[in-house]
Amino acid sequence: MRTLAIGDIHGGLKALIQVLNKVEVKDEDTLIFVGDYVDGWSESAQVIQFLIELSENINCVFIKGNHDVWCEDWLRSGEVNQTWYVHGGKETLESYDGFSTEEKNKHLEFFENMLLYYLDDENRLFLHAGFTSMHGVKREVFETTFYFDRTLWEMALIMDERIEKDSAIYPNRLKHYKEIYIGHTPTINFNCDVPMNAINIWNIDTGAAFAGKLSAVDINTKKVFQSDKLPDLYPNEKGRNK
């Protein structure tokens, strides 16, 4: 049995299919997606439809990202958030051309059922962005933190790894979990096109929304599976490279 964590997809269905083919997914595998399925490339609605069908045969866990919140709000109300529109929402709206009301309602239900975080039986935490409570995710006050926070990753990047976990100055946020898997902040921002590890945090968003790749990580072996760069898969599009 394998557990694989998969980074931010951002409408790149071709990349998702490529990665899953490289993984050679088996019926007994568990796939944990850390959010941002939509906004960027031209196949956001198609990504959602694919994931709905995939979850009928494979055990999948779907975490909610900030872009998913925006898309969910639009599917529910029909109102277009202008911040969303200029950050990939335009492409997502266009991808829904031809989808029936019934199909959109099924997608809305899919978004509504997404988790804000997931904790497995080995105390490994999966969420889109981060959390701020020193007591852990169950004591987080603001829901938006789970899909907007960047301070968790920033803190991990600047920590001195010589600090022992039982030290008084070791951040309490990091003490609660064996490992933490996040997306949200592309590793290509740090000139890295593979998943990054800092302290006990793994950032698996490798920039699929932009000029990077989509990544999946076997969380037991740390083997990485990657797609081609998204601009190579969608040569006539810009994604969020605007």
Protein backbone atom coordinates (compact mmCIF):
# COMPACT_ATOMS: atom_id res chain seq x y z
CA MET A 1 0.00 0.00 0.00
CA ARG A 2 1.31 3.41 -0.97
CA THR A 3 0.25 6.90 0.04
CA LEU A 4 1.05 9.61 -2.47
CA ALA A 5 0.69 13.34 -1.94
CA ILE A 6 -0.03 15.37 -5.07
CA GLY A 7 0.62 19.08 -5.45
CA ASP A 8 -1.37 21.98 -6.88
CA ILE A 9 -2.84 21.10 -10.31
CA HIS A 10 -4.31 24.43 -11.46
CA GLY A 11 -6.31 23.16 -14.39
CA GLY A 12 -3.48 21.08 -15.86
CA LEU A 13 -5.29 17.85 -16.64
CA LYS A 14 -2.55 16.70 -19.04
CA ALA A 15 0.01 17.01 -16.26
CA LEU A 16 -2.19 15.14 -13.80
CA ILE A 17 -2.67 12.23 -16.20
CA GLN A 18 1.07 12.18 -16.90
CA VAL A 19 1.92 11.98 -13.21
CA LEU A 20 -0.64 9.28 -12.46
CA ASN A 21 0.69 7.22 -15.36
CA LYS A 22 4.21 7.54 -13.98
CA VAL A 23 2.99 6.56 -10.53
CA GLU A 24 1.19 3.54 -12.03
CA VAL A 25 -1.62 3.91 -9.51
CA LYS A 26 -2.94 0.68 -8.01
CA ASP A 27 -6.31 -0.01 -6.44
CA GLU A 28 -4.82 -0.22 -2.95
CA ASP A 29 -3.04 3.17 -3.17
CA THR A 30 -4.20 6.30 -1.38
CA LEU A 31 -3.89 9.62 -3.17
CA ILE A 32 -3.90 12.82 -1.10
CA PHE A 33 -4.36 16.04 -3.08
CA VAL A 34 -3.32 19.24 -1.29
CA GLY A 35 -5.65 21.58 -3.18
CA ASP A 36 -5.85 24.20 -5.94
CA TYR A 37 -7.30 21.95 -8.61
CA VAL A 38 -8.50 24.90 -10.70
CA ASP A 39 -7.35 28.25 -12.12
CA GLY A 40 -4.46 28.57 -14.52
CA TRP A 41 -4.59 26.23 -17.49
CA SER A 42 -7.62 25.56 -19.67
CA GLU A 43 -8.95 22.30 -18.19
CA SER A 44 -10.10 23.14 -14.66
CA ALA A 45 -13.63 21.78 -15.03
CA GLN A 46 -12.18 18.71 -16.72
CA VAL A 47 -9.77 18.19 -13.81
CA ILE A 48 -12.68 18.21 -11.37
CA GLN A 49 -14.66 15.76 -13.48
CA PHE A 50 -11.61 13.48 -13.77
CA LEU A 51 -11.03 13.53 -10.00
CA ILE A 52 -14.67 12.73 -9.25
CA GLU A 53 -14.44 9.68 -11.50
CA LEU A 54 -11.00 8.70 -10.16
CA SER A 55 -12.30 8.70 -6.59
CA GLU A 56 -14.91 6.12 -7.53
CA ASN A 57 -12.13 3.55 -7.97
CA ILE A 58 -9.18 4.81 -5.92
CA ASN A 59 -9.08 5.99 -2.31
CA CYS A 60 -8.62 9.75 -2.59
CA VAL A 61 -8.40 12.56 -0.06
CA PHE A 62 -9.16 16.04 -1.36
CA ILE A 63 -7.89 19.10 0.54
CA LYS A 64 -9.38 22.51 -0.24
CA GLY A 65 -7.17 25.33 -1.54
CA ASN A 66 -7.85 29.03 -1.85
CA HIS A 67 -8.60 28.79 -5.57
CA ASP A 68 -11.08 26.02 -4.83
CA VAL A 69 -12.86 28.28 -2.35
CA TRP A 70 -13.29 30.93 -5.05
CA CYS A 71 -14.56 28.41 -7.59
CA GLU A 72 -16.93 26.87 -5.06
CA ASP A 73 -18.38 30.30 -4.28
CA TRP A 74 -18.99 30.93 -7.98
CA LEU A 75 -20.64 27.55 -8.51
CA ARG A 76 -22.93 28.23 -5.56
CA SER A 77 -23.87 31.85 -6.25
CA GLY A 78 -23.00 32.60 -9.86
CA GLU A 79 -21.15 35.70 -8.70
CA VAL A 80 -17.62 36.27 -9.99
CA ASN A 81 -15.03 37.41 -7.45
CA GLN A 82 -12.80 39.86 -9.34
CA THR A 83 -9.67 38.81 -7.45
CA TRP A 84 -10.39 35.25 -8.52
CA TYR A 85 -11.10 36.30 -12.10
CA VAL A 86 -7.66 37.83 -12.62
CA HIS A 87 -5.83 34.99 -10.81
CA GLY A 88 -6.98 32.15 -13.04
CA GLY A 89 -10.74 32.39 -12.62
CA LYS A 90 -11.23 33.57 -16.20
CA GLU A 91 -9.77 30.32 -17.54
CA THR A 92 -11.84 28.28 -15.11
CA LEU A 93 -15.06 30.02 -16.15
CA GLU A 94 -14.27 29.30 -19.79
CA SER A 95 -13.54 25.64 -19.02
CA TYR A 96 -17.13 25.24 -17.77
CA ASP A 97 -18.63 26.14 -21.15
CA GLY A 98 -20.83 23.23 -22.18
CA PHE A 99 -21.24 21.81 -18.68
CA SER A 100 -24.87 21.37 -17.67
CA THR A 101 -26.43 22.70 -14.48
CA GLU A 102 -26.58 19.15 -13.16
CA GLU A 103 -22.87 18.63 -13.80
CA LYS A 104 -22.01 21.93 -12.14
CA ASN A 105 -24.07 20.95 -9.11
CA LYS A 106 -22.10 17.71 -8.84
CA HIS A 107 -18.89 19.71 -8.96
CA LEU A 108 -20.21 22.05 -6.27
CA GLU A 109 -20.92 19.07 -4.05
CA PHE A 110 -17.38 17.85 -4.70
CA PHE A 111 -15.95 21.19 -3.55
CA GLU A 112 -18.22 21.29 -0.51
CA ASN A 113 -16.98 17.87 0.61
CA MET A 114 -13.30 18.81 0.49
CA LEU A 115 -11.37 18.80 3.76
CA LEU A 116 -9.50 21.73 5.26
CA TYR A 117 -6.83 19.34 6.51
CA TYR A 118 -6.22 15.62 6.88
CA LEU A 119 -4.31 13.79 9.59
CA ASP A 120 -3.37 10.17 8.87
CA ASP A 121 -2.88 7.33 11.33
CA GLU A 122 0.87 7.99 11.50
CA ASN A 123 0.34 11.61 12.61
CA ARG A 124 1.24 13.10 9.24
CA LEU A 125 -0.66 16.29 8.45
CA PHE A 126 -1.80 17.38 5.00
CA LEU A 127 -3.24 20.80 4.23
CA HIS A 128 -3.08 23.41 1.51
CA ALA A 129 -1.20 26.29 3.08
CA GLY A 130 -0.58 26.32 6.82
CA PHE A 131 -1.85 27.08 10.31
CA THR A 132 -0.83 29.51 13.04
CA SER A 133 -2.08 28.05 16.32
CA MET A 134 0.69 26.81 18.59
CA HIS A 135 -1.78 24.13 19.68
CA GLY A 136 -2.19 22.64 16.19
CA VAL A 137 -4.83 22.60 13.51
CA LYS A 138 -7.70 21.62 15.79
CA ARG A 139 -7.29 24.90 17.67
CA GLU A 140 -6.93 27.13 14.60
CA VAL A 141 -9.30 30.10 14.91
CA PHE A 142 -9.64 31.27 11.31
CA GLU A 143 -10.59 28.81 8.59
CA THR A 144 -8.97 30.95 5.90
CA THR A 145 -5.57 30.29 7.47
CA PHE A 146 -5.65 26.71 6.23
CA TYR A 147 -5.67 27.82 2.60
CA PHE A 148 -3.94 31.23 2.68
CA ASP A 149 -1.18 31.06 5.32
CA ARG A 150 2.46 31.20 4.21
CA THR A 151 4.07 31.77 7.61
CA LEU A 152 4.37 28.04 8.39
CA TRP A 153 6.57 27.48 5.35
CA GLU A 154 8.50 30.73 5.84
CA MET A 155 9.25 29.74 9.44
CA ALA A 156 10.51 26.32 8.40
CA LEU A 157 12.80 27.80 5.75
CA ILE A 158 14.65 30.04 8.18
CA MET A 159 14.91 27.59 11.09
CA ASP A 160 18.30 26.39 12.23
CA GLU A 161 18.12 22.61 11.90
CA ARG A 162 20.53 22.21 14.81
CA ILE A 163 17.73 23.17 17.22
CA GLU A 164 16.49 20.03 18.96
CA LYS A 165 12.77 19.25 18.89
CA ASP A 166 12.60 19.16 22.71
CA SER A 167 14.23 22.60 22.95
CA ALA A 168 12.24 25.45 24.49
CA ILE A 169 12.82 27.55 21.37
CA TYR A 170 11.63 24.90 18.91
CA PRO A 171 8.33 26.19 17.42
CA ASN A 172 5.34 24.54 19.07
CA ARG A 173 3.50 24.44 15.76
CA LEU A 174 5.99 21.91 14.43
CA LYS A 175 6.01 19.65 17.49
CA HIS A 176 2.52 18.23 16.98
CA TYR A 177 3.07 16.30 13.77
CA LYS A 178 5.51 13.75 12.41
CA GLU A 179 5.46 15.42 9.00
CA ILE A 180 3.46 18.19 7.33
CA TYR A 181 2.69 18.29 3.60
CA ILE A 182 1.61 21.56 2.00
CA GLY A 183 1.18 23.28 -1.35
CA HIS A 184 0.23 26.92 -2.02
CA THR A 185 3.72 28.46 -2.26
CA PRO A 186 5.48 27.32 -5.47
CA THR A 187 8.97 25.95 -4.95
CA ILE A 188 10.02 27.61 -8.21
CA ASN A 189 9.89 30.86 -6.21
CA PHE A 190 13.04 29.48 -4.56
CA ASN A 191 14.66 28.32 -7.82
CA CYS A 192 13.71 24.72 -7.13
CA ASP A 193 11.56 22.59 -9.45
CA VAL A 194 11.19 19.59 -7.13
CA PRO A 195 9.43 19.26 -3.76
CA MET A 196 11.30 20.98 -0.95
CA ASN A 197 11.85 19.78 2.61
CA ALA A 198 12.48 22.12 5.55
CA ILE A 199 12.48 20.72 9.10
CA ASN A 200 9.48 18.34 9.04
CA ILE A 201 7.56 20.19 6.31
CA TRP A 202 7.35 19.11 2.68
CA ASN A 203 6.25 21.70 0.13
CA ILE A 204 4.99 19.83 -2.94
CA ASP A 205 3.70 22.75 -5.02
CA THR A 206 6.33 22.79 -7.78
CA GLY A 207 4.78 25.58 -9.81
CA ALA A 208 2.29 23.82 -12.08
CA ALA A 209 0.26 27.04 -12.24
CA PHE A 210 3.20 28.81 -13.84
CA ALA A 211 6.29 27.46 -15.62
CA GLY A 212 6.86 24.52 -13.31
CA LYS A 213 5.77 20.89 -13.10
CA LEU A 214 3.14 18.91 -11.25
CA SER A 215 4.60 16.62 -8.59
CA ALA A 216 3.55 13.59 -6.59
CA VAL A 217 5.52 12.23 -3.63
CA ASP A 218 5.41 8.75 -2.16
CA ILE A 219 5.39 9.86 1.46
CA ASN A 220 7.01 6.67 2.73
CA THR A 221 9.92 6.40 0.29
CA LYS A 222 10.03 10.11 -0.73
CA LYS A 223 10.21 9.06 -4.37
CA VAL A 224 9.08 11.93 -6.60
CA PHE A 225 7.04 11.64 -9.79
CA GLN A 226 6.76 14.70 -12.06
CA SER A 227 5.03 15.83 -15.21
CA ASP A 228 6.62 17.82 -17.99
CA LYS A 229 6.64 21.56 -17.51
CA LEU A 230 3.11 22.84 -17.92
CA PRO A 231 3.91 25.37 -20.69
CA ASP A 232 5.22 22.45 -22.76
CA LEU A 233 1.94 20.60 -22.28
CA TYR A 234 -0.14 23.68 -23.10
CA PRO A 235 2.07 25.51 -25.66
CA ASN A 236 -0.67 27.84 -26.85
CA GLU A 237 -1.59 29.04 -23.37
CA LYS A 238 0.00 31.23 -20.71
CA GLY A 239 -1.49 29.68 -17.58
CA ARG A 240 -0.81 32.18 -14.83
CA ASN A 241 2.42 33.34 -16.52
CA LYS A 242 0.99 36.76 -17.28
